[in-house]
């Protein structure tokens, strides 16, 4: 299941999560973000129960994007125990993103 992160649920779903969390910072108008969407969706299914995978729209949630210094999108941040443990900027292959997730599982 792919999560939708917002300011209303970010603390509970990401920062206080028992599982590692992959947050895809994106925007609807971003071409590379659209290109990554099926990969993120696929990872959400593959890692169900091991990693929470979801998206955060930077246009709707600017405060969170600023807090994590998201300057370019897509930006992928992996959180573990409430801390950002990996940050990646730009489109990448499913394999590259998967390697990053395997390090925190």
N, C-alpha and C. Protein backbone atom coordinates (compact mmCIF):
# COMPACT_ATOMS: atom_id res chain seq x y z
N UNK A 1 0.84 -1.19 0.00
CA UNK A 1 0.00 0.00 0.00
C UNK A 1 0.88 1.25 0.00
N UNK A 2 0.56 2.14 -0.90
CA UNK A 2 1.30 3.40 -0.97
C UNK A 2 0.60 4.43 -0.08
N UNK A 3 1.34 5.02 0.83
CA UNK A 3 0.79 6.01 1.75
C UNK A 3 0.79 7.39 1.13
N UNK A 4 -0.09 8.25 1.62
CA UNK A 4 -0.05 9.67 1.27
C UNK A 4 0.27 10.42 2.56
N UNK A 5 1.43 11.03 2.59
CA UNK A 5 1.86 11.74 3.80
C UNK A 5 1.47 13.21 3.71
N UNK A 6 0.97 13.74 4.83
CA UNK A 6 0.56 15.15 4.93
C UNK A 6 1.02 15.68 6.27
N UNK A 7 0.86 16.97 6.47
CA UNK A 7 1.24 17.54 7.77
C UNK A 7 0.38 16.93 8.88
N UNK A 8 -0.83 16.49 8.54
CA UNK A 8 -1.71 15.90 9.55
C UNK A 8 -1.24 14.54 10.04
N UNK A 9 -0.55 13.76 9.17
CA UNK A 9 -0.16 12.40 9.58
C UNK A 9 1.35 12.16 9.57
N UNK A 10 2.15 13.15 9.20
CA UNK A 10 3.58 12.94 9.03
C UNK A 10 4.26 12.45 10.31
N UNK A 11 3.95 13.08 11.42
CA UNK A 11 4.60 12.67 12.67
C UNK A 11 4.24 11.23 13.04
N UNK A 12 2.97 10.90 12.99
CA UNK A 12 2.54 9.54 13.37
C UNK A 12 3.00 8.49 12.38
N UNK A 13 2.84 8.76 11.08
CA UNK A 13 3.13 7.75 10.06
C UNK A 13 4.61 7.63 9.70
N UNK A 14 5.36 8.73 9.84
CA UNK A 14 6.77 8.71 9.43
C UNK A 14 7.69 8.75 10.65
N UNK A 15 7.60 9.81 11.43
CA UNK A 15 8.56 10.00 12.52
C UNK A 15 8.39 9.00 13.66
N UNK A 16 7.16 8.54 13.90
CA UNK A 16 6.93 7.58 14.99
C UNK A 16 6.68 6.16 14.48
N UNK A 17 6.98 5.92 13.22
CA UNK A 17 6.74 4.61 12.63
C UNK A 17 7.68 3.56 13.21
N UNK A 18 7.12 2.37 13.43
CA UNK A 18 7.93 1.23 13.87
C UNK A 18 8.81 0.73 12.72
N UNK A 19 8.31 0.91 11.51
CA UNK A 19 9.02 0.44 10.31
C UNK A 19 9.82 1.59 9.69
N UNK A 20 10.86 1.27 8.92
CA UNK A 20 11.50 2.33 8.11
C UNK A 20 10.47 2.90 7.14
N UNK A 21 10.67 4.14 6.73
CA UNK A 21 9.72 4.81 5.84
C UNK A 21 10.47 5.46 4.68
N UNK A 22 9.99 5.20 3.46
CA UNK A 22 10.51 5.88 2.27
C UNK A 22 9.49 6.95 1.89
N UNK A 23 9.93 8.21 1.90
CA UNK A 23 9.05 9.31 1.51
C UNK A 23 9.53 9.86 0.16
N UNK A 24 8.61 9.85 -0.80
CA UNK A 24 8.85 10.41 -2.13
C UNK A 24 8.30 11.83 -2.12
N UNK A 25 9.19 12.82 -2.08
CA UNK A 25 8.78 14.22 -2.17
C UNK A 25 8.61 14.54 -3.65
N UNK A 26 7.39 14.91 -4.06
CA UNK A 26 7.08 15.07 -5.48
C UNK A 26 6.15 16.26 -5.69
N UNK A 27 5.87 16.55 -6.95
CA UNK A 27 4.84 17.51 -7.34
C UNK A 27 4.16 16.99 -8.59
N UNK A 28 2.89 17.35 -8.75
CA UNK A 28 2.11 16.87 -9.90
C UNK A 28 2.68 17.34 -11.23
N UNK A 29 3.34 18.49 -11.25
CA UNK A 29 3.85 19.07 -12.50
C UNK A 29 5.25 18.57 -12.87
N UNK A 30 5.84 17.72 -12.06
CA UNK A 30 7.24 17.29 -12.23
C UNK A 30 7.32 16.04 -13.11
N UNK A 31 7.96 16.17 -14.28
CA UNK A 31 8.12 15.04 -15.20
C UNK A 31 8.86 13.85 -14.60
N UNK A 32 10.07 14.06 -14.03
CA UNK A 32 10.78 12.93 -13.43
C UNK A 32 10.00 12.27 -12.28
N UNK A 33 9.20 13.07 -11.57
CA UNK A 33 8.37 12.50 -10.49
C UNK A 33 7.34 11.53 -11.07
N UNK A 34 6.73 11.93 -12.19
CA UNK A 34 5.75 11.06 -12.84
C UNK A 34 6.41 9.78 -13.33
N UNK A 35 7.64 9.91 -13.80
CA UNK A 35 8.39 8.76 -14.28
C UNK A 35 8.68 7.78 -13.13
N UNK A 36 8.90 8.31 -11.93
CA UNK A 36 9.22 7.47 -10.77
C UNK A 36 7.98 6.87 -10.11
N UNK A 37 6.80 7.41 -10.39
CA UNK A 37 5.57 6.98 -9.71
C UNK A 37 5.33 5.47 -9.78
N UNK A 38 5.45 4.82 -10.97
CA UNK A 38 5.21 3.37 -10.99
C UNK A 38 6.26 2.59 -10.20
N UNK A 39 7.49 3.10 -10.14
CA UNK A 39 8.55 2.43 -9.37
C UNK A 39 8.23 2.51 -7.88
N UNK A 40 7.83 3.69 -7.43
CA UNK A 40 7.48 3.87 -6.01
C UNK A 40 6.29 2.99 -5.65
N UNK A 41 5.30 2.94 -6.53
CA UNK A 41 4.12 2.11 -6.30
C UNK A 41 4.50 0.64 -6.21
N UNK A 42 5.39 0.19 -7.09
CA UNK A 42 5.85 -1.19 -7.08
C UNK A 42 6.60 -1.52 -5.80
N UNK A 43 7.46 -0.59 -5.34
CA UNK A 43 8.20 -0.81 -4.09
C UNK A 43 7.26 -0.86 -2.90
N UNK A 44 6.18 -0.06 -2.94
CA UNK A 44 5.20 -0.07 -1.85
C UNK A 44 4.59 -1.47 -1.71
N UNK A 45 4.33 -2.11 -2.85
CA UNK A 45 3.78 -3.47 -2.82
C UNK A 45 4.83 -4.49 -2.38
N UNK A 46 6.03 -4.38 -2.94
CA UNK A 46 7.10 -5.35 -2.65
C UNK A 46 7.52 -5.33 -1.18
N UNK A 47 7.51 -4.15 -0.57
CA UNK A 47 8.02 -4.00 0.80
C UNK A 47 6.91 -3.88 1.84
N UNK A 48 5.69 -4.20 1.45
CA UNK A 48 4.55 -4.18 2.37
C UNK A 48 4.90 -4.96 3.65
N UNK A 49 4.72 -4.31 4.80
CA UNK A 49 5.01 -4.96 6.08
C UNK A 49 6.46 -4.83 6.52
N UNK A 50 7.36 -4.39 5.61
CA UNK A 50 8.78 -4.21 5.96
C UNK A 50 9.17 -2.73 5.96
N UNK A 51 8.62 -1.98 5.00
CA UNK A 51 8.91 -0.55 4.86
C UNK A 51 7.62 0.15 4.45
N UNK A 52 7.33 1.28 5.08
CA UNK A 52 6.22 2.10 4.62
C UNK A 52 6.74 2.92 3.45
N UNK A 53 6.00 2.93 2.36
CA UNK A 53 6.40 3.69 1.18
C UNK A 53 5.25 4.63 0.84
N UNK A 54 5.60 5.91 0.68
CA UNK A 54 4.54 6.86 0.36
C UNK A 54 5.06 8.14 -0.25
N UNK A 55 4.10 9.00 -0.57
CA UNK A 55 4.41 10.24 -1.29
C UNK A 55 4.00 11.44 -0.45
N UNK A 56 4.73 12.53 -0.65
CA UNK A 56 4.38 13.80 -0.03
C UNK A 56 4.45 14.87 -1.10
N UNK A 57 3.32 15.52 -1.36
CA UNK A 57 3.25 16.56 -2.39
C UNK A 57 3.82 17.85 -1.82
N UNK A 58 4.94 18.31 -2.39
CA UNK A 58 5.62 19.48 -1.83
C UNK A 58 4.80 20.76 -2.01
N UNK A 59 3.93 20.81 -3.02
CA UNK A 59 3.10 22.00 -3.21
C UNK A 59 2.06 22.11 -2.10
N UNK A 60 1.59 20.98 -1.60
CA UNK A 60 0.59 20.97 -0.53
C UNK A 60 1.24 21.03 0.85
N UNK A 61 2.47 20.55 0.95
CA UNK A 61 3.14 20.41 2.26
C UNK A 61 4.50 21.10 2.26
N UNK A 62 4.52 22.38 1.90
CA UNK A 62 5.78 23.13 1.79
C UNK A 62 6.59 23.17 3.08
N UNK A 63 5.90 23.22 4.20
CA UNK A 63 6.59 23.31 5.49
C UNK A 63 7.46 22.07 5.75
N UNK A 64 6.92 20.90 5.46
CA UNK A 64 7.69 19.67 5.66
C UNK A 64 8.84 19.61 4.66
N UNK A 65 8.59 19.98 3.42
CA UNK A 65 9.65 19.99 2.40
C UNK A 65 10.78 20.93 2.82
N UNK A 66 10.43 22.08 3.35
CA UNK A 66 11.46 23.03 3.81
C UNK A 66 12.22 22.48 5.00
N UNK A 67 11.53 21.83 5.92
CA UNK A 67 12.17 21.27 7.11
C UNK A 67 13.27 20.27 6.73
N UNK A 68 13.05 19.53 5.66
CA UNK A 68 14.03 18.53 5.22
C UNK A 68 14.87 19.02 4.04
N UNK A 69 14.84 20.33 3.81
CA UNK A 69 15.66 20.99 2.79
C UNK A 69 15.52 20.37 1.41
N UNK A 70 14.29 20.09 1.03
CA UNK A 70 14.02 19.55 -0.30
C UNK A 70 14.06 20.72 -1.28
N UNK A 71 15.10 20.74 -2.11
CA UNK A 71 15.30 21.83 -3.08
C UNK A 71 14.96 21.40 -4.50
N UNK A 72 15.13 20.11 -4.79
CA UNK A 72 14.85 19.56 -6.12
C UNK A 72 13.97 18.33 -5.94
N UNK A 73 13.18 18.05 -6.95
CA UNK A 73 12.34 16.86 -6.87
C UNK A 73 12.51 16.04 -8.14
N UNK A 74 12.31 14.75 -8.06
CA UNK A 74 11.93 14.03 -6.85
C UNK A 74 13.10 13.92 -5.86
N UNK A 75 12.76 13.98 -4.59
CA UNK A 75 13.72 13.69 -3.52
C UNK A 75 13.14 12.53 -2.73
N UNK A 76 13.99 11.55 -2.46
CA UNK A 76 13.58 10.38 -1.68
C UNK A 76 14.34 10.41 -0.36
N UNK A 77 13.60 10.39 0.74
CA UNK A 77 14.24 10.35 2.05
C UNK A 77 13.75 9.10 2.76
N UNK A 78 14.71 8.33 3.27
CA UNK A 78 14.38 7.15 4.07
C UNK A 78 14.55 7.53 5.53
N UNK A 79 13.49 7.30 6.29
CA UNK A 79 13.48 7.58 7.72
C UNK A 79 13.53 6.27 8.48
N UNK A 80 14.30 6.25 9.55
CA UNK A 80 14.32 5.11 10.46
C UNK A 80 14.40 5.65 11.87
N UNK A 81 13.52 5.18 12.73
CA UNK A 81 13.45 5.65 14.12
C UNK A 81 13.34 7.17 14.18
N UNK A 82 12.55 7.75 13.27
CA UNK A 82 12.30 9.18 13.30
C UNK A 82 13.39 10.06 12.71
N UNK A 83 14.45 9.44 12.21
CA UNK A 83 15.58 10.20 11.65
C UNK A 83 15.73 9.92 10.16
N UNK A 84 16.09 10.97 9.42
CA UNK A 84 16.40 10.79 8.00
C UNK A 84 17.75 10.10 7.91
N UNK A 85 17.79 8.90 7.33
CA UNK A 85 19.04 8.14 7.26
C UNK A 85 19.62 8.07 5.85
N UNK A 86 18.82 8.44 4.84
CA UNK A 86 19.31 8.42 3.47
C UNK A 86 18.52 9.43 2.66
N UNK A 87 19.22 10.24 1.88
CA UNK A 87 18.58 11.22 1.01
C UNK A 87 19.10 11.04 -0.40
N UNK A 88 18.19 10.94 -1.36
CA UNK A 88 18.56 10.81 -2.77
C UNK A 88 17.74 11.82 -3.56
N UNK A 89 18.39 12.49 -4.48
CA UNK A 89 17.72 13.50 -5.30
C UNK A 89 17.76 13.07 -6.76
N UNK A 90 16.60 13.15 -7.42
CA UNK A 90 16.54 12.84 -8.84
C UNK A 90 16.02 11.45 -9.12
N UNK A 91 15.65 11.25 -10.37
CA UNK A 91 15.14 9.95 -10.80
C UNK A 91 16.26 8.91 -10.75
N UNK A 92 15.88 7.69 -10.47
CA UNK A 92 16.86 6.59 -10.41
C UNK A 92 16.16 5.29 -10.75
N UNK A 93 16.94 4.27 -10.95
CA UNK A 93 16.34 2.98 -11.29
C UNK A 93 15.71 2.35 -10.05
N UNK A 94 14.81 1.41 -10.31
CA UNK A 94 14.18 0.67 -9.21
C UNK A 94 15.24 -0.05 -8.40
N UNK A 95 16.25 -0.59 -9.09
CA UNK A 95 17.31 -1.33 -8.41
C UNK A 95 18.09 -0.44 -7.44
N UNK A 96 18.39 0.79 -7.88
CA UNK A 96 19.13 1.72 -7.00
C UNK A 96 18.33 2.03 -5.74
N UNK A 97 17.05 2.31 -5.92
CA UNK A 97 16.20 2.65 -4.77
C UNK A 97 16.03 1.43 -3.87
N UNK A 98 15.93 0.26 -4.48
CA UNK A 98 15.79 -0.97 -3.71
C UNK A 98 17.03 -1.25 -2.85
N UNK A 99 18.21 -1.00 -3.38
CA UNK A 99 19.45 -1.18 -2.61
C UNK A 99 19.44 -0.32 -1.36
N UNK A 100 18.94 0.90 -1.49
CA UNK A 100 18.88 1.80 -0.35
C UNK A 100 17.89 1.27 0.70
N UNK A 101 16.77 0.73 0.23
CA UNK A 101 15.79 0.18 1.17
C UNK A 101 16.33 -1.06 1.88
N UNK A 102 17.06 -1.89 1.15
CA UNK A 102 17.58 -3.11 1.76
C UNK A 102 18.55 -2.82 2.89
N UNK A 103 19.23 -1.66 2.83
CA UNK A 103 20.15 -1.30 3.91
C UNK A 103 19.44 -1.02 5.22
N UNK A 104 18.18 -0.60 5.17
CA UNK A 104 17.46 -0.26 6.39
C UNK A 104 16.49 -1.34 6.86
N UNK A 105 16.29 -2.37 6.03
CA UNK A 105 15.36 -3.45 6.42
C UNK A 105 15.98 -4.37 7.44
